[in-house]
């Protein structure tokens, strides 16, 4: 498990990015089609990623859930990327079955 800030890796996990408002809602119409590169939105305080279906994200916003997921990752020796957010941690796992739910 690693805490990183790596643009190349983020571009592998996400198909694109969209600007968002303060409530984290996309500010562009057809955001699933009209997404852009991270470099175009990173200067904004609010943006969202369109996750690639090859990955699964678990979003933890409280210490108890962060600790629980961290414990599972460690005890099960799972490969995981953990990225700190303003509220908590996003845990990214490779989706081996490649069946995305949207």
N, C-alpha and C. Protein backbone atom coordinates (compact mmCIF):
# COMPACT_ATOMS: atom_id res chain seq x y z
N UNK A 1 0.86 -1.17 0.00
CA UNK A 1 0.00 0.00 0.00
C UNK A 1 0.90 1.22 0.00
N UNK A 2 0.57 2.20 -0.85
CA UNK A 2 1.42 3.39 -0.94
C UNK A 2 0.57 4.65 -0.98
N UNK A 3 1.06 5.70 -0.39
CA UNK A 3 0.43 7.01 -0.50
C UNK A 3 1.26 7.79 -1.50
N UNK A 4 0.67 8.15 -2.65
CA UNK A 4 1.45 8.79 -3.69
C UNK A 4 0.71 9.96 -4.33
N UNK A 5 1.44 10.73 -5.08
CA UNK A 5 0.89 11.79 -5.90
C UNK A 5 1.59 11.69 -7.25
N UNK A 6 1.14 10.78 -8.11
CA UNK A 6 1.80 10.45 -9.36
C UNK A 6 0.81 10.62 -10.52
N UNK A 7 1.03 11.64 -11.34
CA UNK A 7 0.10 11.96 -12.43
C UNK A 7 0.02 10.81 -13.44
N UNK A 8 1.14 10.18 -13.78
CA UNK A 8 1.11 9.09 -14.75
C UNK A 8 0.26 7.92 -14.26
N UNK A 9 0.39 7.58 -12.99
CA UNK A 9 -0.40 6.50 -12.43
C UNK A 9 -1.88 6.87 -12.38
N UNK A 10 -2.18 8.11 -12.01
CA UNK A 10 -3.57 8.55 -11.99
C UNK A 10 -4.18 8.48 -13.38
N UNK A 11 -3.40 8.78 -14.41
CA UNK A 11 -3.90 8.70 -15.77
C UNK A 11 -4.17 7.26 -16.20
N UNK A 12 -3.54 6.29 -15.54
CA UNK A 12 -3.83 4.88 -15.82
C UNK A 12 -5.12 4.45 -15.13
N UNK A 13 -5.34 4.95 -13.93
CA UNK A 13 -6.52 4.56 -13.16
C UNK A 13 -7.78 5.23 -13.68
N UNK A 14 -7.65 6.46 -14.16
CA UNK A 14 -8.81 7.23 -14.61
C UNK A 14 -8.80 7.42 -16.11
N UNK A 15 -9.99 7.35 -16.71
CA UNK A 15 -10.13 7.60 -18.15
C UNK A 15 -10.08 9.08 -18.47
N UNK A 16 -10.38 9.91 -17.50
CA UNK A 16 -10.37 11.37 -17.69
C UNK A 16 -10.86 12.04 -16.43
N UNK A 17 -10.93 13.37 -16.48
CA UNK A 17 -11.29 14.16 -15.32
C UNK A 17 -12.27 15.25 -15.72
N UNK A 18 -13.09 15.67 -14.75
CA UNK A 18 -14.08 16.73 -14.99
C UNK A 18 -14.03 17.74 -13.85
N UNK A 19 -14.27 19.02 -14.17
CA UNK A 19 -14.38 20.00 -13.09
C UNK A 19 -15.67 19.77 -12.31
N UNK A 20 -15.63 20.05 -11.01
CA UNK A 20 -16.80 19.85 -10.16
C UNK A 20 -17.07 21.11 -9.34
N UNK A 21 -18.30 21.23 -8.85
CA UNK A 21 -18.63 22.34 -7.97
C UNK A 21 -18.25 21.98 -6.53
N UNK A 22 -18.56 22.85 -5.60
CA UNK A 22 -18.18 22.63 -4.19
C UNK A 22 -18.82 21.39 -3.59
N UNK A 23 -19.96 20.96 -4.17
CA UNK A 23 -20.63 19.74 -3.67
C UNK A 23 -20.15 18.50 -4.40
N UNK A 24 -19.09 18.62 -5.18
CA UNK A 24 -18.47 17.52 -5.92
C UNK A 24 -19.30 17.02 -7.10
N UNK A 25 -20.24 17.82 -7.57
CA UNK A 25 -21.03 17.45 -8.75
C UNK A 25 -20.35 18.01 -10.00
N UNK A 26 -20.30 17.23 -11.08
CA UNK A 26 -19.68 17.73 -12.32
C UNK A 26 -20.34 19.00 -12.81
N UNK A 27 -19.54 19.92 -13.33
CA UNK A 27 -20.05 21.19 -13.84
C UNK A 27 -20.17 21.20 -15.35
N UNK A 28 -19.91 20.08 -16.00
CA UNK A 28 -20.05 19.99 -17.45
C UNK A 28 -21.15 18.99 -17.78
N UNK A 29 -21.85 19.25 -18.88
CA UNK A 29 -22.88 18.32 -19.33
C UNK A 29 -22.19 17.11 -19.97
N UNK A 30 -22.85 15.99 -19.92
CA UNK A 30 -22.33 14.74 -20.47
C UNK A 30 -20.90 14.49 -19.98
N UNK A 31 -20.71 14.58 -18.65
CA UNK A 31 -19.38 14.46 -18.07
C UNK A 31 -18.72 13.12 -18.39
N UNK A 32 -19.51 12.09 -18.62
CA UNK A 32 -18.92 10.79 -18.93
C UNK A 32 -18.32 10.74 -20.34
N UNK A 33 -18.70 11.71 -21.17
CA UNK A 33 -18.15 11.81 -22.53
C UNK A 33 -17.18 12.98 -22.62
N UNK A 34 -17.52 14.09 -21.99
CA UNK A 34 -16.74 15.33 -22.10
C UNK A 34 -15.71 15.48 -20.99
N UNK A 35 -14.91 14.46 -20.78
CA UNK A 35 -13.87 14.58 -19.77
C UNK A 35 -12.55 15.00 -20.42
N UNK A 36 -11.61 15.39 -19.59
CA UNK A 36 -10.37 15.97 -20.08
C UNK A 36 -9.19 15.39 -19.32
N UNK A 37 -8.00 15.83 -19.66
CA UNK A 37 -6.78 15.37 -18.98
C UNK A 37 -6.66 16.03 -17.61
N UNK A 38 -5.96 15.36 -16.71
CA UNK A 38 -5.76 15.87 -15.36
C UNK A 38 -5.10 17.25 -15.37
N UNK A 39 -4.17 17.46 -16.26
CA UNK A 39 -3.46 18.74 -16.31
C UNK A 39 -4.41 19.92 -16.58
N UNK A 40 -5.56 19.65 -17.17
CA UNK A 40 -6.53 20.71 -17.47
C UNK A 40 -7.41 21.09 -16.28
N UNK A 41 -7.47 20.24 -15.27
CA UNK A 41 -8.34 20.52 -14.12
C UNK A 41 -7.62 20.57 -12.78
N UNK A 42 -6.36 20.18 -12.76
CA UNK A 42 -5.65 20.02 -11.48
C UNK A 42 -5.50 21.33 -10.71
N UNK A 43 -5.49 22.46 -11.40
CA UNK A 43 -5.37 23.75 -10.72
C UNK A 43 -6.66 24.13 -9.99
N UNK A 44 -7.75 23.50 -10.36
CA UNK A 44 -9.02 23.72 -9.70
C UNK A 44 -9.02 22.98 -8.36
N UNK A 45 -9.72 23.53 -7.39
CA UNK A 45 -9.82 22.85 -6.10
C UNK A 45 -10.76 21.66 -6.16
N UNK A 46 -11.67 21.65 -7.13
CA UNK A 46 -12.67 20.60 -7.22
C UNK A 46 -12.69 19.97 -8.61
N UNK A 47 -12.34 18.71 -8.64
CA UNK A 47 -12.44 17.95 -9.88
C UNK A 47 -12.67 16.49 -9.52
N UNK A 48 -13.23 15.77 -10.46
CA UNK A 48 -13.52 14.36 -10.24
C UNK A 48 -12.91 13.52 -11.33
N UNK A 49 -12.64 12.26 -11.02
CA UNK A 49 -12.07 11.35 -12.00
C UNK A 49 -13.09 10.35 -12.49
N UNK A 50 -13.01 10.03 -13.77
CA UNK A 50 -13.82 8.98 -14.38
C UNK A 50 -12.98 7.71 -14.30
N UNK A 51 -13.31 6.84 -13.35
CA UNK A 51 -12.46 5.67 -13.08
C UNK A 51 -12.54 4.67 -14.22
N UNK A 52 -11.38 4.14 -14.57
CA UNK A 52 -11.28 3.11 -15.59
C UNK A 52 -11.90 1.83 -15.04
N UNK A 53 -12.61 1.08 -15.85
CA UNK A 53 -13.30 -0.12 -15.37
C UNK A 53 -12.33 -1.22 -14.93
N UNK A 54 -11.05 -1.05 -15.16
CA UNK A 54 -10.06 -2.02 -14.70
C UNK A 54 -9.72 -1.84 -13.22
N UNK A 55 -10.31 -0.82 -12.59
CA UNK A 55 -10.01 -0.53 -11.18
C UNK A 55 -11.29 -0.41 -10.35
N UNK A 56 -11.14 -0.63 -9.06
CA UNK A 56 -12.22 -0.47 -8.09
C UNK A 56 -11.71 0.50 -7.03
N UNK A 57 -12.58 1.42 -6.59
CA UNK A 57 -12.21 2.39 -5.56
C UNK A 57 -13.10 2.21 -4.34
N UNK A 58 -12.46 2.18 -3.17
CA UNK A 58 -13.18 2.23 -1.90
C UNK A 58 -12.85 3.57 -1.28
N UNK A 59 -13.86 4.39 -1.06
CA UNK A 59 -13.71 5.74 -0.52
C UNK A 59 -14.01 5.72 0.97
N UNK A 60 -13.01 6.00 1.79
CA UNK A 60 -13.17 6.01 3.24
C UNK A 60 -12.97 7.42 3.76
N UNK A 61 -13.98 7.93 4.48
CA UNK A 61 -13.93 9.30 4.97
C UNK A 61 -13.83 9.42 6.48
N UNK A 62 -13.77 8.29 7.19
CA UNK A 62 -13.65 8.36 8.65
C UNK A 62 -12.54 7.41 9.10
N UNK A 63 -11.90 7.72 10.24
CA UNK A 63 -10.77 6.92 10.70
C UNK A 63 -11.09 5.43 10.89
N UNK A 64 -12.27 5.11 11.36
CA UNK A 64 -12.62 3.71 11.59
C UNK A 64 -12.62 2.91 10.29
N UNK A 65 -13.21 3.46 9.24
CA UNK A 65 -13.25 2.72 7.97
C UNK A 65 -11.88 2.69 7.31
N UNK A 66 -11.11 3.75 7.46
CA UNK A 66 -9.74 3.76 6.92
C UNK A 66 -8.92 2.66 7.60
N UNK A 67 -9.02 2.57 8.91
CA UNK A 67 -8.28 1.52 9.63
C UNK A 67 -8.75 0.13 9.25
N UNK A 68 -10.06 -0.05 9.07
CA UNK A 68 -10.59 -1.35 8.72
C UNK A 68 -10.06 -1.81 7.35
N UNK A 69 -10.13 -0.92 6.35
CA UNK A 69 -9.65 -1.29 5.01
C UNK A 69 -8.14 -1.51 5.04
N UNK A 70 -7.42 -0.66 5.75
CA UNK A 70 -5.97 -0.83 5.87
C UNK A 70 -5.62 -2.17 6.49
N UNK A 71 -6.34 -2.57 7.53
CA UNK A 71 -6.10 -3.86 8.17
C UNK A 71 -6.36 -5.03 7.21
N UNK A 72 -7.45 -4.94 6.44
CA UNK A 72 -7.76 -6.00 5.47
C UNK A 72 -6.67 -6.08 4.40
N UNK A 73 -6.23 -4.92 3.91
CA UNK A 73 -5.18 -4.88 2.88
C UNK A 73 -3.91 -5.54 3.41
N UNK A 74 -3.54 -5.20 4.64
CA UNK A 74 -2.31 -5.76 5.23
C UNK A 74 -2.43 -7.24 5.53
N UNK A 75 -3.52 -7.67 6.17
CA UNK A 75 -3.64 -9.07 6.57
C UNK A 75 -3.83 -9.99 5.36
N UNK A 76 -4.51 -9.50 4.33
CA UNK A 76 -4.73 -10.31 3.13
C UNK A 76 -3.61 -10.12 2.09
N UNK A 77 -2.66 -9.23 2.40
CA UNK A 77 -1.53 -8.93 1.51
C UNK A 77 -2.01 -8.56 0.11
N UNK A 78 -2.97 -7.63 0.07
CA UNK A 78 -3.54 -7.18 -1.19
C UNK A 78 -2.70 -6.06 -1.80
N UNK A 79 -2.63 -6.05 -3.11
CA UNK A 79 -2.00 -4.93 -3.81
C UNK A 79 -3.00 -3.80 -3.84
N UNK A 80 -2.58 -2.65 -3.39
CA UNK A 80 -3.50 -1.53 -3.24
C UNK A 80 -2.74 -0.22 -3.37
N UNK A 81 -3.39 0.75 -3.96
CA UNK A 81 -2.88 2.12 -4.00
C UNK A 81 -3.80 2.94 -3.12
N UNK A 82 -3.26 3.62 -2.13
CA UNK A 82 -4.05 4.47 -1.25
C UNK A 82 -3.65 5.92 -1.49
N UNK A 83 -4.65 6.76 -1.74
CA UNK A 83 -4.40 8.18 -2.01
C UNK A 83 -5.17 9.01 -1.00
N UNK A 84 -4.45 9.85 -0.27
CA UNK A 84 -5.10 10.74 0.69
C UNK A 84 -5.96 11.75 -0.06
N UNK A 85 -7.13 12.01 0.51
CA UNK A 85 -8.02 13.04 -0.02
C UNK A 85 -8.22 14.08 1.07
N UNK A 86 -9.01 15.11 0.78
CA UNK A 86 -9.25 16.13 1.79
C UNK A 86 -10.06 15.59 2.96
N UNK A 87 -10.84 14.54 2.73
CA UNK A 87 -11.68 13.97 3.80
C UNK A 87 -11.16 12.66 4.37
N UNK A 88 -10.35 11.93 3.63
CA UNK A 88 -9.92 10.61 4.09
C UNK A 88 -8.94 9.98 3.13
N UNK A 89 -9.28 8.76 2.67
CA UNK A 89 -8.40 8.00 1.79
C UNK A 89 -9.24 7.28 0.73
N UNK A 90 -8.75 7.27 -0.51
CA UNK A 90 -9.31 6.43 -1.56
C UNK A 90 -8.37 5.24 -1.72
N UNK A 91 -8.92 4.03 -1.65
CA UNK A 91 -8.15 2.81 -1.85
C UNK A 91 -8.49 2.27 -3.24
N UNK A 92 -7.47 2.08 -4.08
CA UNK A 92 -7.67 1.60 -5.44
C UNK A 92 -7.11 0.19 -5.57
N UNK A 93 -7.94 -0.68 -6.17
CA UNK A 93 -7.57 -2.06 -6.39
C UNK A 93 -7.77 -2.38 -7.87
N UNK A 94 -6.92 -3.24 -8.41
CA UNK A 94 -7.09 -3.70 -9.78
C UNK A 94 -8.29 -4.64 -9.82
N UNK A 95 -9.19 -4.42 -10.75
CA UNK A 95 -10.40 -5.23 -10.91
C UNK A 95 -10.07 -6.42 -11.80
N UNK A 96 -9.74 -7.54 -11.19
CA UNK A 96 -9.33 -8.72 -11.94
C UNK A 96 -10.45 -9.31 -12.79
N UNK A 97 -11.71 -9.18 -12.34
CA UNK A 97 -12.83 -9.76 -13.08
C UNK A 97 -13.29 -8.86 -14.22
N UNK A 98 -12.92 -7.61 -14.18
CA UNK A 98 -13.22 -6.65 -15.24
C UNK A 98 -14.70 -6.53 -15.54
N UNK A 99 -15.53 -6.58 -14.49
CA UNK A 99 -16.97 -6.36 -14.62
C UNK A 99 -17.31 -5.11 -13.83
N UNK A 100 -17.41 -4.00 -14.52
CA UNK A 100 -17.67 -2.73 -13.85
C UNK A 100 -19.14 -2.56 -13.57
N UNK A 101 -19.44 -1.91 -12.44
CA UNK A 101 -20.80 -1.51 -12.15
C UNK A 101 -20.84 0.00 -12.20
N UNK A 102 -21.81 0.54 -12.88
CA UNK A 102 -21.88 1.99 -13.06
C UNK A 102 -23.17 2.52 -12.49
